[in-house]
Amino acid sequence: MNNNDDEKYMRMALDEAQKAYEADEVPIGAVIVSRGQVIARGHNLTETLTDVTAHAEMQAITSATNMLGGKYLVDCTLYVTVEPCLMCAGALGWSQISRVVYGAADEKRGYHTFCPNPFHKKTVVQGGVLADECAKIMTDFFKKKR
């Protein structure tokens, strides 16, 4: 994938984050791409579903595995607006996803805070794609909450 593709798919993840924002959910969005095709989308639904595990990444993983008919996401890339938490990173590790691309770092709850590499040994991780835009929607959301 090139930078233009990464930005294109991250913008789709930002669209998902906007849906979460509008639903008064923490605005994190995710998209999973396989061989140039978007196969899953998700955004935070923890408030809507009263489920602490209903993170954007978890929603996208479930949707993608249903679409593919199997539990592994080899040859797939996850685009997520914020660095995955340890729970989501662990699930992504179990899925054997090939690549994880995130926007904004999460210094408080991102996986880096707890574990340097919870992913599958072959997973390639890249952070910082559209980081400012991804951080801004989070900042705007929490300013609105105060």
C-alpha atoms as a PDB file:
ATOM      1  CA  MET A   1       0.000   0.000   0.000  1.00  0.00           C
ATOM      2  CA  ASN A   2       1.152   3.535  -0.619  1.00  0.00           C
ATOM      3  CA  ASN A   3       0.580   6.664   1.446  1.00  0.00           C
ATOM      4  CA  ASN A   4      -2.337   7.771  -0.730  1.00  0.00           C
ATOM      5  CA  ASP A   5      -4.127   4.473  -0.083  1.00  0.00           C
ATOM      6  CA  ASP A   6      -3.404   4.729   3.634  1.00  0.00           C
ATOM      7  CA  GLU A   7      -4.858   8.236   3.749  1.00  0.00           C
ATOM      8  CA  LYS A   8      -7.886   7.205   1.667  1.00  0.00           C
ATOM      9  CA  TYR A   9      -8.758   4.350   4.007  1.00  0.00           C
ATOM     10  CA  MET A  10      -7.985   6.388   7.130  1.00  0.00           C
ATOM     11  CA  ARG A  11     -10.481   8.987   5.887  1.00  0.00           C
ATOM     12  CA  MET A  12     -13.051   6.180   5.735  1.00  0.00           C
ATOM     13  CA  ALA A  13     -12.163   5.314   9.326  1.00  0.00           C
ATOM     14  CA  LEU A  14     -12.626   9.004  10.211  1.00  0.00           C
ATOM     15  CA  ASP A  15     -16.109   8.811   8.652  1.00  0.00           C
ATOM     16  CA  GLU A  16     -16.831   5.936  11.034  1.00  0.00           C
ATOM     17  CA  ALA A  17     -15.455   7.999  13.937  1.00  0.00           C
ATOM     18  CA  GLN A  18     -17.834  10.796  12.966  1.00  0.00           C
ATOM     19  CA  LYS A  19     -20.758   8.347  13.227  1.00  0.00           C
ATOM     20  CA  ALA A  20     -19.631   7.499  16.745  1.00  0.00           C
ATOM     21  CA  TYR A  21     -19.295  11.199  17.590  1.00  0.00           C
ATOM     22  CA  GLU A  22     -22.843  11.865  16.393  1.00  0.00           C
ATOM     23  CA  ALA A  23     -24.112   8.973  18.533  1.00  0.00           C
ATOM     24  CA  ASP A  24     -22.318  10.419  21.593  1.00  0.00           C
ATOM     25  CA  GLU A  25     -19.823   7.548  21.563  1.00  0.00           C
ATOM     26  CA  VAL A  26     -16.066   8.053  21.916  1.00  0.00           C
ATOM     27  CA  PRO A  27     -15.251   8.905  18.267  1.00  0.00           C
ATOM     28  CA  ILE A  28     -13.041   6.089  17.089  1.00  0.00           C
ATOM     29  CA  GLY A  29     -13.587   4.465  13.715  1.00  0.00           C
ATOM     30  CA  ALA A  30     -12.109   1.453  11.965  1.00  0.00           C
ATOM     31  CA  VAL A  31     -12.038  -0.005   8.460  1.00  0.00           C
ATOM     32  CA  ILE A  32     -10.602  -3.356   7.347  1.00  0.00           C
ATOM     33  CA  VAL A  33      -9.327  -3.715   3.796  1.00  0.00           C
ATOM     34  CA  SER A  34      -8.490  -6.946   1.990  1.00  0.00           C
ATOM     35  CA  ARG A  35      -6.816  -6.859  -1.410  1.00  0.00           C
ATOM     36  CA  GLY A  36      -7.989  -3.322  -2.116  1.00  0.00           C
ATOM     37  CA  GLN A  37     -11.590  -3.935  -0.997  1.00  0.00           C
ATOM     38  CA  VAL A  38     -13.190  -2.573   2.163  1.00  0.00           C
ATOM     39  CA  ILE A  39     -14.627  -5.662   3.838  1.00  0.00           C
ATOM     40  CA  ALA A  40     -15.612  -4.222   7.218  1.00  0.00           C
ATOM     41  CA  ARG A  41     -16.314  -0.975   9.017  1.00  0.00           C
ATOM     42  CA  GLY A  42     -16.905  -0.232  12.659  1.00  0.00           C
ATOM     43  CA  HIS A  43     -17.067   2.483  15.254  1.00  0.00           C
ATOM     44  CA  ASN A  44     -17.328   2.547  19.007  1.00  0.00           C
ATOM     45  CA  LEU A  45     -20.645   1.226  20.319  1.00  0.00           C
ATOM     46  CA  THR A  46     -19.783   0.815  24.004  1.00  0.00           C
ATOM     47  CA  GLU A  47     -22.543   3.167  25.193  1.00  0.00           C
ATOM     48  CA  THR A  48     -25.149   1.988  22.697  1.00  0.00           C
ATOM     49  CA  LEU A  49     -24.596  -1.688  23.494  1.00  0.00           C
ATOM     50  CA  THR A  50     -23.605  -1.142  27.156  1.00  0.00           C
ATOM     51  CA  ASP A  51     -20.609  -3.351  26.380  1.00  0.00           C
ATOM     52  CA  VAL A  52     -17.056  -2.345  27.270  1.00  0.00           C
ATOM     53  CA  THR A  53     -15.733  -4.630  24.523  1.00  0.00           C
ATOM     54  CA  ALA A  54     -17.702  -2.910  21.728  1.00  0.00           C
ATOM     55  CA  HIS A  55     -14.705  -0.917  20.481  1.00  0.00           C
ATOM     56  CA  ALA A  56     -14.428   0.090  16.826  1.00  0.00           C
ATOM     57  CA  GLU A  57     -11.721  -2.488  16.156  1.00  0.00           C
ATOM     58  CA  MET A  58     -13.740  -5.311  17.742  1.00  0.00           C
ATOM     59  CA  GLN A  59     -16.786  -4.385  15.650  1.00  0.00           C
ATOM     60  CA  ALA A  60     -14.663  -4.376  12.497  1.00  0.00           C
ATOM     61  CA  ILE A  61     -12.928  -7.671  13.344  1.00  0.00           C
ATOM     62  CA  THR A  62     -16.271  -9.417  13.856  1.00  0.00           C
ATOM     63  CA  SER A  63     -17.664  -8.004  10.635  1.00  0.00           C
ATOM     64  CA  ALA A  64     -14.544  -8.912   8.627  1.00  0.00           C
ATOM     65  CA  THR A  65     -14.356 -12.482   9.902  1.00  0.00           C
ATOM     66  CA  ASN A  66     -18.044 -12.939   9.120  1.00  0.00           C
ATOM     67  CA  MET A  67     -17.456 -11.577   5.615  1.00  0.00           C
ATOM     68  CA  LEU A  68     -14.461 -13.841   5.020  1.00  0.00           C
ATOM     69  CA  GLY A  69     -15.978 -16.890   6.680  1.00  0.00           C
ATOM     70  CA  GLY A  70     -13.004 -17.539   8.957  1.00  0.00           C
ATOM     71  CA  LYS A  71     -11.301 -16.240  12.067  1.00  0.00           C
ATOM     72  CA  TYR A  72      -8.016 -15.104  10.493  1.00  0.00           C
ATOM     73  CA  LEU A  73      -7.419 -11.773   8.786  1.00  0.00           C
ATOM     74  CA  VAL A  74      -4.285 -12.636   6.850  1.00  0.00           C
ATOM     75  CA  ASP A  75      -3.838 -10.310   3.846  1.00  0.00           C
ATOM     76  CA  CYS A  76      -5.944  -7.653   5.597  1.00  0.00           C
ATOM     77  CA  THR A  77      -5.153  -4.183   6.892  1.00  0.00           C
ATOM     78  CA  LEU A  78      -6.967  -2.471   9.755  1.00  0.00           C
ATOM     79  CA  TYR A  79      -7.192   1.316   9.638  1.00  0.00           C
ATOM     80  CA  VAL A  80      -8.176   2.798  12.987  1.00  0.00           C
ATOM     81  CA  THR A  81      -8.237   6.437  14.011  1.00  0.00           C
ATOM     82  CA  VAL A  82      -6.598   5.910  17.420  1.00  0.00           C
ATOM     83  CA  GLU A  83      -3.891   3.506  18.572  1.00  0.00           C
ATOM     84  CA  PRO A  84      -5.611   0.271  19.662  1.00  0.00           C
ATOM     85  CA  CYS A  85      -5.962  -0.481  23.349  1.00  0.00           C
ATOM     86  CA  LEU A  86      -4.430  -3.657  24.730  1.00  0.00           C
ATOM     87  CA  MET A  87      -7.719  -5.591  24.401  1.00  0.00           C
ATOM     88  CA  CYS A  88      -8.098  -4.694  20.726  1.00  0.00           C
ATOM     89  CA  ALA A  89      -4.407  -5.230  19.997  1.00  0.00           C
ATOM     90  CA  GLY A  90      -4.660  -8.698  21.559  1.00  0.00           C
ATOM     91  CA  ALA A  91      -7.698  -9.549  19.442  1.00  0.00           C
ATOM     92  CA  LEU A  92      -5.885  -8.289  16.357  1.00  0.00           C
ATOM     93  CA  GLY A  93      -2.939 -10.486  17.315  1.00  0.00           C
ATOM     94  CA  TRP A  94      -5.173 -13.534  17.548  1.00  0.00           C
ATOM     95  CA  SER A  95      -6.695 -12.644  14.156  1.00  0.00           C
ATOM     96  CA  GLN A  96      -3.209 -12.717  12.587  1.00  0.00           C
ATOM     97  CA  ILE A  97      -4.022  -9.503  10.719  1.00  0.00           C
ATOM     98  CA  SER A  98      -1.230  -8.588   8.326  1.00  0.00           C
ATOM     99  CA  ARG A  99      -1.132  -4.852   8.944  1.00  0.00           C
ATOM    100  CA  VAL A 100      -2.405  -2.292  11.449  1.00  0.00           C
ATOM    101  CA  VAL A 101      -2.431   1.403  10.560  1.00  0.00           C
ATOM    102  CA  TYR A 102      -3.527   3.914  13.173  1.00  0.00           C
ATOM    103  CA  GLY A 103      -3.876   7.665  13.276  1.00  0.00           C
ATOM    104  CA  ALA A 104      -3.394   9.275  16.678  1.00  0.00           C
ATOM    105  CA  ALA A 105      -1.294   7.745  19.436  1.00  0.00           C
ATOM    106  CA  ASP A 106      -3.017   7.101  22.769  1.00  0.00           C
ATOM    107  CA  GLU A 107      -0.557   7.822  25.554  1.00  0.00           C
ATOM    108  CA  LYS A 108      -2.962   6.769  28.333  1.00  0.00           C
ATOM    109  CA  ARG A 109      -4.666   3.651  27.024  1.00  0.00           C
ATOM    110  CA  GLY A 110      -2.874   2.636  23.844  1.00  0.00           C
ATOM    111  CA  TYR A 111      -1.288  -0.810  23.731  1.00  0.00           C
ATOM    112  CA  HIS A 112       2.237   0.716  23.865  1.00  0.00           C
ATOM    113  CA  THR A 113       1.549   1.771  27.454  1.00  0.00           C
ATOM    114  CA  PHE A 114       1.133  -1.851  28.525  1.00  0.00           C
ATOM    115  CA  CYS A 115       2.944  -4.033  26.001  1.00  0.00           C
ATOM    116  CA  PRO A 116       5.382  -3.107  23.239  1.00  0.00           C
ATOM    117  CA  ASN A 117       4.114  -5.643  20.691  1.00  0.00           C
ATOM    118  CA  PRO A 118       0.962  -7.679  21.333  1.00  0.00           C
ATOM    119  CA  PHE A 119       0.434  -8.385  17.627  1.00  0.00           C
ATOM    120  CA  HIS A 120       1.240 -11.487  15.600  1.00  0.00           C
ATOM    121  CA  LYS A 121       4.942 -11.683  14.753  1.00  0.00           C
ATOM    122  CA  LYS A 122       4.234 -11.025  11.051  1.00  0.00           C
ATOM    123  CA  THR A 123       1.948  -8.022  11.619  1.00  0.00           C
ATOM    124  CA  VAL A 124       3.317  -4.712  10.360  1.00  0.00           C
ATOM    125  CA  VAL A 125       2.238  -1.681  12.426  1.00  0.00           C
ATOM    126  CA  GLN A 126       2.296   1.925  11.297  1.00  0.00           C
ATOM    127  CA  GLY A 127       1.118   4.905  13.315  1.00  0.00           C
ATOM    128  CA  GLY A 128       0.633   8.575  12.564  1.00  0.00           C
ATOM    129  CA  VAL A 129      -1.483   8.452   9.406  1.00  0.00           C
ATOM    130  CA  LEU A 130      -3.632  11.623   9.467  1.00  0.00           C
ATOM    131  CA  ALA A 131      -2.732  11.830  13.158  1.00  0.00           C
ATOM    132  CA  ASP A 132      -3.770  15.470  13.578  1.00  0.00           C
ATOM    133  CA  GLU A 133      -7.240  14.898  12.119  1.00  0.00           C
ATOM    134  CA  CYS A 134      -7.684  11.734  14.153  1.00  0.00           C
ATOM    135  CA  ALA A 135      -6.634  13.514  17.353  1.00  0.00           C
ATOM    136  CA  LYS A 136      -8.839  16.542  16.640  1.00  0.00           C
ATOM    137  CA  ILE A 137     -12.123  14.617  16.591  1.00  0.00           C
ATOM    138  CA  MET A 138     -11.190  13.100  19.967  1.00  0.00           C
ATOM    139  CA  THR A 139     -10.223  16.480  21.429  1.00  0.00           C
ATOM    140  CA  ASP A 140     -13.428  18.089  20.124  1.00  0.00           C
ATOM    141  CA  PHE A 141     -15.519  15.289  21.612  1.00  0.00           C
ATOM    142  CA  PHE A 142     -14.018  15.556  25.081  1.00  0.00           C
ATOM    143  CA  LYS A 143     -14.180  19.382  25.062  1.00  0.00           C
ATOM    144  CA  LYS A 144     -17.908  19.048  24.361  1.00  0.00           C
ATOM    145  CA  LYS A 145     -18.219  16.694  27.340  1.00  0.00           C
ATOM    146  CA  ARG A 146     -16.684  19.157  29.818  1.00  0.00           C
END
